[in-house]
Amino acid sequence: MYRTLRLLLLCLPLAAAAAEALRIGVPGPFTGGSSPMGISMRNGIRLAAAEINRQGGIHGRPLLLIERDDMGRSDIGIRIARELTLHQRVIASVGFVNSGVALASQGHYQQAGIPAITAVATAPGSPSSSRRRNTRSTTCSASRPPTRNRRR
């Protein structure tokens, strides 16, 4: 998880001031029937972010996790995706335990041009199980700065 999160963040553009935290959305079921997996996922993401922050962050900018409980419900997951992309100004999202929530939410992240990593959901058609559907390949090169693909 640590390497994946760090690689993702190194490939993102860093246009804001150096002291501003990089906001990462963490949607998942932290209450309800799927909460054991959601809490475990969140703890792993917290450990990875803490390690990155202990090492000075990404280009000197700390990570700030914006955690939201989707309770394993698609309707709440959609609302959270809208909040994270439109109001919380996240630059990436790492989470999703329930395939239904991942499938229902992914369009909002795509429309905003924000990378979303599905940590657990694996049902056919979910973002982590299908390379053909709703995925985008991104490259990052140390020789040139990355560009932002956000639609406004």
C-alpha atoms as a PDB file:
ATOM      1  CA  MET A   1       0.000   0.000   0.000  1.00  0.00           C
ATOM      2  CA  TYR A   2       2.829   2.391   0.910  1.00  0.00           C
ATOM      3  CA  ARG A   3       4.599   2.008  -2.450  1.00  0.00           C
ATOM      4  CA  THR A   4       1.363   2.315  -4.412  1.00  0.00           C
ATOM      5  CA  LEU A   5       0.317   5.474  -2.578  1.00  0.00           C
ATOM      6  CA  ARG A   6       3.769   7.040  -2.888  1.00  0.00           C
ATOM      7  CA  LEU A   7       4.053   6.236  -6.625  1.00  0.00           C
ATOM      8  CA  LEU A   8       0.600   7.650  -7.301  1.00  0.00           C
ATOM      9  CA  LEU A   9       1.416  10.858  -5.491  1.00  0.00           C
ATOM     10  CA  LEU A  10       4.795  11.304  -7.171  1.00  0.00           C
ATOM     11  CA  CYS A  11       3.052  11.253 -10.540  1.00  0.00           C
ATOM     12  CA  LEU A  12       0.561  13.956  -9.634  1.00  0.00           C
ATOM     13  CA  PRO A  13       1.141  17.622 -10.399  1.00  0.00           C
ATOM     14  CA  LEU A  14       2.028  19.812  -7.486  1.00  0.00           C
ATOM     15  CA  ALA A  15       0.884  23.317  -8.355  1.00  0.00           C
ATOM     16  CA  ALA A  16      -0.044  24.688  -4.917  1.00  0.00           C
ATOM     17  CA  ALA A  17       2.204  26.254  -2.296  1.00  0.00           C
ATOM     18  CA  ALA A  18       4.852  23.990  -0.776  1.00  0.00           C
ATOM     19  CA  ALA A  19       3.336  24.041   2.719  1.00  0.00           C
ATOM     20  CA  GLU A  20      -0.181  23.056   1.646  1.00  0.00           C
ATOM     21  CA  ALA A  21      -1.116  19.465   2.457  1.00  0.00           C
ATOM     22  CA  LEU A  22      -1.978  17.009  -0.291  1.00  0.00           C
ATOM     23  CA  ARG A  23      -5.581  15.972   0.369  1.00  0.00           C
ATOM     24  CA  ILE A  24      -6.309  12.266  -0.182  1.00  0.00           C
ATOM     25  CA  GLY A  25      -9.848  10.907   0.014  1.00  0.00           C
ATOM     26  CA  VAL A  26     -10.342   7.664   1.933  1.00  0.00           C
ATOM     27  CA  PRO A  27     -13.898   6.351   1.420  1.00  0.00           C
ATOM     28  CA  GLY A  28     -14.844   3.065   3.025  1.00  0.00           C
ATOM     29  CA  PRO A  29     -17.242   1.244   5.339  1.00  0.00           C
ATOM     30  CA  PHE A  30     -16.043   2.184   8.810  1.00  0.00           C
ATOM     31  CA  THR A  31     -19.381   1.226  10.383  1.00  0.00           C
ATOM     32  CA  GLY A  32     -21.845  -1.522   9.468  1.00  0.00           C
ATOM     33  CA  GLY A  33     -21.398  -5.087   8.254  1.00  0.00           C
ATOM     34  CA  SER A  34     -18.278  -4.476   6.154  1.00  0.00           C
ATOM     35  CA  SER A  35     -16.563  -2.379   8.804  1.00  0.00           C
ATOM     36  CA  PRO A  36     -13.904  -4.977   9.767  1.00  0.00           C
ATOM     37  CA  MET A  37     -12.467  -4.810   6.224  1.00  0.00           C
ATOM     38  CA  GLY A  38     -13.012  -1.054   6.007  1.00  0.00           C
ATOM     39  CA  ILE A  39     -11.243  -0.359   9.293  1.00  0.00           C
ATOM     40  CA  SER A  40      -8.364  -2.665   8.337  1.00  0.00           C
ATOM     41  CA  MET A  41      -8.025  -0.880   4.977  1.00  0.00           C
ATOM     42  CA  ARG A  42      -8.144   2.547   6.657  1.00  0.00           C
ATOM     43  CA  ASN A  43      -5.483   1.508   9.181  1.00  0.00           C
ATOM     44  CA  GLY A  44      -3.171   0.424   6.352  1.00  0.00           C
ATOM     45  CA  ILE A  45      -3.707   3.715   4.523  1.00  0.00           C
ATOM     46  CA  ARG A  46      -3.045   5.640   7.736  1.00  0.00           C
ATOM     47  CA  LEU A  47       0.212   3.730   8.280  1.00  0.00           C
ATOM     48  CA  ALA A  48       1.351   4.436   4.707  1.00  0.00           C
ATOM     49  CA  ALA A  49       0.493   8.139   5.004  1.00  0.00           C
ATOM     50  CA  ALA A  50       2.248   8.419   8.381  1.00  0.00           C
ATOM     51  CA  GLU A  51       5.378   6.818   6.913  1.00  0.00           C
ATOM     52  CA  ILE A  52       5.348   9.199   3.944  1.00  0.00           C
ATOM     53  CA  ASN A  53       4.823  12.195   6.258  1.00  0.00           C
ATOM     54  CA  ARG A  54       7.659  11.038   8.563  1.00  0.00           C
ATOM     55  CA  GLN A  55       9.944  11.097   5.527  1.00  0.00           C
ATOM     56  CA  GLY A  56       8.992  14.682   4.704  1.00  0.00           C
ATOM     57  CA  GLY A  57       5.860  14.135   2.628  1.00  0.00           C
ATOM     58  CA  ILE A  58       5.783  14.415  -1.148  1.00  0.00           C
ATOM     59  CA  HIS A  59       8.007  17.232  -2.391  1.00  0.00           C
ATOM     60  CA  GLY A  60       7.862  18.682   1.117  1.00  0.00           C
ATOM     61  CA  ARG A  61       4.074  18.559   1.341  1.00  0.00           C
ATOM     62  CA  PRO A  62       2.407  16.383   3.996  1.00  0.00           C
ATOM     63  CA  LEU A  63      -0.502  14.076   3.226  1.00  0.00           C
ATOM     64  CA  LEU A  64      -3.875  14.855   4.768  1.00  0.00           C
ATOM     65  CA  LEU A  65      -6.349  11.980   4.749  1.00  0.00           C
ATOM     66  CA  ILE A  66      -9.995  12.948   4.308  1.00  0.00           C
ATOM     67  CA  GLU A  67     -11.805   9.865   5.657  1.00  0.00           C
ATOM     68  CA  ARG A  68     -15.479   9.279   4.958  1.00  0.00           C
ATOM     69  CA  ASP A  69     -17.717   6.387   6.073  1.00  0.00           C
ATOM     70  CA  ASP A  70     -19.817   5.019   3.192  1.00  0.00           C
ATOM     71  CA  MET A  71     -21.360   2.315   5.451  1.00  0.00           C
ATOM     72  CA  GLY A  72     -21.104  -0.055   2.470  1.00  0.00           C
ATOM     73  CA  ARG A  73     -23.987   1.763   0.753  1.00  0.00           C
ATOM     74  CA  SER A  74     -23.827   2.907  -2.871  1.00  0.00           C
ATOM     75  CA  ASP A  75     -26.028   5.981  -2.313  1.00  0.00           C
ATOM     76  CA  ILE A  76     -23.716   7.216   0.437  1.00  0.00           C
ATOM     77  CA  GLY A  77     -20.649   6.348  -1.660  1.00  0.00           C
ATOM     78  CA  ILE A  78     -21.938   8.553  -4.487  1.00  0.00           C
ATOM     79  CA  ARG A  79     -22.560  11.426  -2.081  1.00  0.00           C
ATOM     80  CA  ILE A  80     -19.050  11.021  -0.649  1.00  0.00           C
ATOM     81  CA  ALA A  81     -17.499  10.964  -4.137  1.00  0.00           C
ATOM     82  CA  ARG A  82     -19.221  14.252  -4.935  1.00  0.00           C
ATOM     83  CA  GLU A  83     -18.112  15.794  -1.650  1.00  0.00           C
ATOM     84  CA  LEU A  84     -14.496  14.682  -2.028  1.00  0.00           C
ATOM     85  CA  THR A  85     -14.194  15.816  -5.650  1.00  0.00           C
ATOM     86  CA  LEU A  86     -16.185  19.042  -5.495  1.00  0.00           C
ATOM     87  CA  HIS A  87     -15.768  20.377  -1.956  1.00  0.00           C
ATOM     88  CA  GLN A  88     -12.789  18.710  -0.283  1.00  0.00           C
ATOM     89  CA  ARG A  89     -10.370  19.319  -3.189  1.00  0.00           C
ATOM     90  CA  VAL A  90      -8.795  15.859  -2.977  1.00  0.00           C
ATOM     91  CA  ILE A  91      -6.092  15.077  -5.521  1.00  0.00           C
ATOM     92  CA  ALA A  92      -6.615  11.300  -5.276  1.00  0.00           C
ATOM     93  CA  SER A  93      -8.811   8.749  -3.553  1.00  0.00           C
ATOM     94  CA  VAL A  94      -7.733   5.432  -2.025  1.00  0.00           C
ATOM     95  CA  GLY A  95     -10.370   3.108  -0.640  1.00  0.00           C
ATOM     96  CA  PHE A  96     -13.523   1.192  -1.504  1.00  0.00           C
ATOM     97  CA  VAL A  97     -14.315  -2.164   0.056  1.00  0.00           C
ATOM     98  CA  ASN A  98     -17.728  -2.886  -1.436  1.00  0.00           C
ATOM     99  CA  SER A  99     -17.882  -3.477  -5.197  1.00  0.00           C
ATOM    100  CA  GLY A 100     -21.299  -1.825  -5.497  1.00  0.00           C
ATOM    101  CA  VAL A 101     -20.012   1.355  -3.890  1.00  0.00           C
ATOM    102  CA  ALA A 102     -16.912   1.373  -6.105  1.00  0.00           C
ATOM    103  CA  LEU A 103     -18.982   0.888  -9.260  1.00  0.00           C
ATOM    104  CA  ALA A 104     -21.495   3.568  -8.294  1.00  0.00           C
ATOM    105  CA  SER A 105     -18.818   6.119  -7.309  1.00  0.00           C
ATOM    106  CA  GLN A 106     -16.143   5.707  -9.969  1.00  0.00           C
ATOM    107  CA  GLY A 107     -17.804   7.961 -12.540  1.00  0.00           C
ATOM    108  CA  HIS A 108     -17.564  10.982 -10.261  1.00  0.00           C
ATOM    109  CA  TYR A 109     -13.813  10.543  -9.837  1.00  0.00           C
ATOM    110  CA  GLN A 110     -13.333  10.008 -13.577  1.00  0.00           C
ATOM    111  CA  GLN A 111     -15.370  13.070 -14.436  1.00  0.00           C
ATOM    112  CA  ALA A 112     -13.242  15.144 -12.060  1.00  0.00           C
ATOM    113  CA  GLY A 113     -10.018  13.633 -13.460  1.00  0.00           C
ATOM    114  CA  ILE A 114      -9.020  12.382 -10.014  1.00  0.00           C
ATOM    115  CA  PRO A 115      -7.276   9.001  -9.672  1.00  0.00           C
ATOM    116  CA  ALA A 116      -9.164   6.561  -7.463  1.00  0.00           C
ATOM    117  CA  ILE A 117      -7.481   3.388  -6.240  1.00  0.00           C
ATOM    118  CA  THR A 118      -9.816   0.549  -5.319  1.00  0.00           C
ATOM    119  CA  ALA A 119      -8.221  -1.234  -2.383  1.00  0.00           C
ATOM    120  CA  VAL A 120     -10.526  -4.205  -1.803  1.00  0.00           C
ATOM    121  CA  ALA A 121     -13.581  -4.441  -4.128  1.00  0.00           C
ATOM    122  CA  THR A 122     -13.138  -7.306  -6.599  1.00  0.00           C
ATOM    123  CA  ALA A 123     -16.529  -8.232  -8.084  1.00  0.00           C
ATOM    124  CA  PRO A 124     -16.675  -8.551 -11.887  1.00  0.00           C
ATOM    125  CA  GLY A 125     -16.922  -5.072 -13.325  1.00  0.00           C
ATOM    126  CA  SER A 126     -15.440  -3.296 -10.300  1.00  0.00           C
ATOM    127  CA  PRO A 127     -12.493  -0.984 -10.992  1.00  0.00           C
ATOM    128  CA  SER A 128      -9.908  -3.373  -9.528  1.00  0.00           C
ATOM    129  CA  SER A 129     -11.120  -6.411 -11.475  1.00  0.00           C
ATOM    130  CA  SER A 130     -11.557  -4.998 -14.962  1.00  0.00           C
ATOM    131  CA  ARG A 131      -8.729  -3.458 -16.934  1.00  0.00           C
ATOM    132  CA  ARG A 132     -11.020  -2.822 -19.907  1.00  0.00           C
ATOM    133  CA  ARG A 133     -13.497  -0.696 -18.090  1.00  0.00           C
ATOM    134  CA  ASN A 134     -13.016   2.768 -16.634  1.00  0.00           C
ATOM    135  CA  THR A 135      -9.274   2.668 -16.240  1.00  0.00           C
ATOM    136  CA  ARG A 136      -6.706   5.152 -17.379  1.00  0.00           C
ATOM    137  CA  SER A 137      -3.019   4.604 -17.789  1.00  0.00           C
ATOM    138  CA  THR A 138      -0.793   7.302 -16.366  1.00  0.00           C
ATOM    139  CA  THR A 139       2.933   7.684 -16.761  1.00  0.00           C
ATOM    140  CA  CYS A 140       5.318   9.712 -14.715  1.00  0.00           C
ATOM    141  CA  SER A 141       8.812  10.708 -15.689  1.00  0.00           C
ATOM    142  CA  ALA A 142      11.437  12.308 -13.494  1.00  0.00           C
ATOM    143  CA  SER A 143      12.753  14.183 -16.545  1.00  0.00           C
ATOM    144  CA  ARG A 144       9.564  16.171 -17.055  1.00  0.00           C
ATOM    145  CA  PRO A 145       6.955  17.506 -14.667  1.00  0.00           C
ATOM    146  CA  PRO A 146       3.582  15.740 -14.671  1.00  0.00           C
ATOM    147  CA  THR A 147       0.568  17.533 -16.090  1.00  0.00           C
ATOM    148  CA  ARG A 148      -2.870  17.775 -14.556  1.00  0.00           C
ATOM    149  CA  ASN A 149      -5.701  16.188 -16.511  1.00  0.00           C
ATOM    150  CA  ARG A 150      -8.535  17.697 -14.482  1.00  0.00           C
ATOM    151  CA  ARG A 151     -11.579  18.877 -16.340  1.00  0.00           C
ATOM    152  CA  ARG A 152     -13.050  22.153 -15.150  1.00  0.00           C
END
